[in-house]
Amino acid sequence: MSDASQSPDSQTAEDFARQADAPRPGFVAELWTFLCQEKRWWLTPIVVLLVLLGVLVLLSGTAMAPFIYTLF
């Protein structure tokens, strides 16, 4: 059967099934796509600061803790 003879509903169902079977992108890829498509560039500094804060929290439980505490 050719694509021209299929109804729009069956094409939509096939597209949906194809996208459902595709591998899901990771969190970072999904966030980057969201920022690019929605033009939400004001979120970038917030995300960067949250990541840096998370890194500091993770490093505070390691041998790097004395060096981090001197920053504050």
Protein backbone atom coordinates (compact mmCIF):
# COMPACT_ATOMS: atom_id res chain seq x y z
CA MET A 1 0.00 0.00 0.00
CA SER A 2 1.39 3.42 -0.84
CA ASP A 3 1.54 6.33 1.58
CA ALA A 4 -0.86 8.36 -0.57
CA SER A 5 -3.64 5.78 -0.20
CA GLN A 6 -3.46 5.69 3.62
CA SER A 7 -5.82 7.81 5.64
CA PRO A 8 -4.43 10.62 7.78
CA ASP A 9 -5.55 8.73 10.92
CA SER A 10 -3.51 5.64 10.03
CA GLN A 11 -0.48 7.80 9.21
CA THR A 12 -0.84 9.53 12.57
CA ALA A 13 -1.08 6.16 14.32
CA GLU A 14 2.03 4.92 12.51
CA ASP A 15 3.94 8.10 13.42
CA PHE A 16 2.85 7.71 17.05
CA ALA A 17 3.96 4.07 17.13
CA ARG A 18 7.31 4.92 15.54
CA GLN A 19 7.98 7.66 18.08
CA ALA A 20 6.90 5.41 20.95
CA ASP A 21 9.39 2.75 19.86
CA ALA A 22 12.25 5.24 19.48
CA PRO A 23 14.81 5.44 22.30
CA ARG A 24 14.12 8.21 24.80
CA PRO A 25 16.61 11.05 25.09
CA GLY A 26 18.39 11.67 28.36
CA PHE A 27 17.54 14.44 30.79
CA VAL A 28 20.24 16.80 29.55
CA ALA A 29 19.27 16.30 25.91
CA GLU A 30 15.62 16.85 26.74
CA LEU A 31 16.42 20.01 28.72
CA TRP A 32 18.61 21.35 25.89
CA THR A 33 15.82 20.68 23.35
CA PHE A 34 13.32 22.45 25.59
CA LEU A 35 15.58 25.50 25.96
CA CYS A 36 16.16 25.68 22.21
CA GLN A 37 12.56 25.18 21.13
CA GLU A 38 10.88 27.35 23.74
CA LYS A 39 13.57 30.08 23.79
CA ARG A 40 13.75 29.96 27.58
CA TRP A 41 17.35 31.16 27.81
CA TRP A 42 16.66 32.89 31.12
CA LEU A 43 16.52 29.41 32.69
CA THR A 44 20.15 28.68 31.80
CA PRO A 45 21.77 30.60 34.70
CA ILE A 46 19.34 29.01 37.16
CA VAL A 47 20.15 25.53 35.92
CA VAL A 48 23.91 26.22 36.02
CA LEU A 49 23.72 27.50 39.59
CA LEU A 50 21.68 24.49 40.70
CA VAL A 51 24.24 22.14 39.13
CA LEU A 52 27.12 23.96 40.83
CA LEU A 53 25.33 23.83 44.17
CA GLY A 54 24.73 20.11 43.69
CA VAL A 55 28.42 19.56 42.94
CA LEU A 56 29.38 21.44 46.10
CA VAL A 57 26.99 19.34 48.18
CA LEU A 58 28.39 16.13 46.70
CA LEU A 59 31.98 17.22 47.27
CA SER A 60 31.29 18.25 50.86
CA GLY A 61 31.22 14.60 51.88
CA THR A 62 34.65 13.85 50.39
CA ALA A 63 38.24 14.78 51.14
CA MET A 64 37.64 18.04 49.27
CA ALA A 65 35.46 19.35 52.12
CA PRO A 66 38.20 21.42 53.85
CA PHE A 67 38.94 23.20 50.58
CA ILE A 68 35.27 23.94 49.94
CA TYR A 69 34.71 25.37 53.41
CA THR A 70 37.51 27.88 52.86
CA LEU A 71 35.47 29.35 49.97
CA PHE A 72 32.80 30.48 52.41
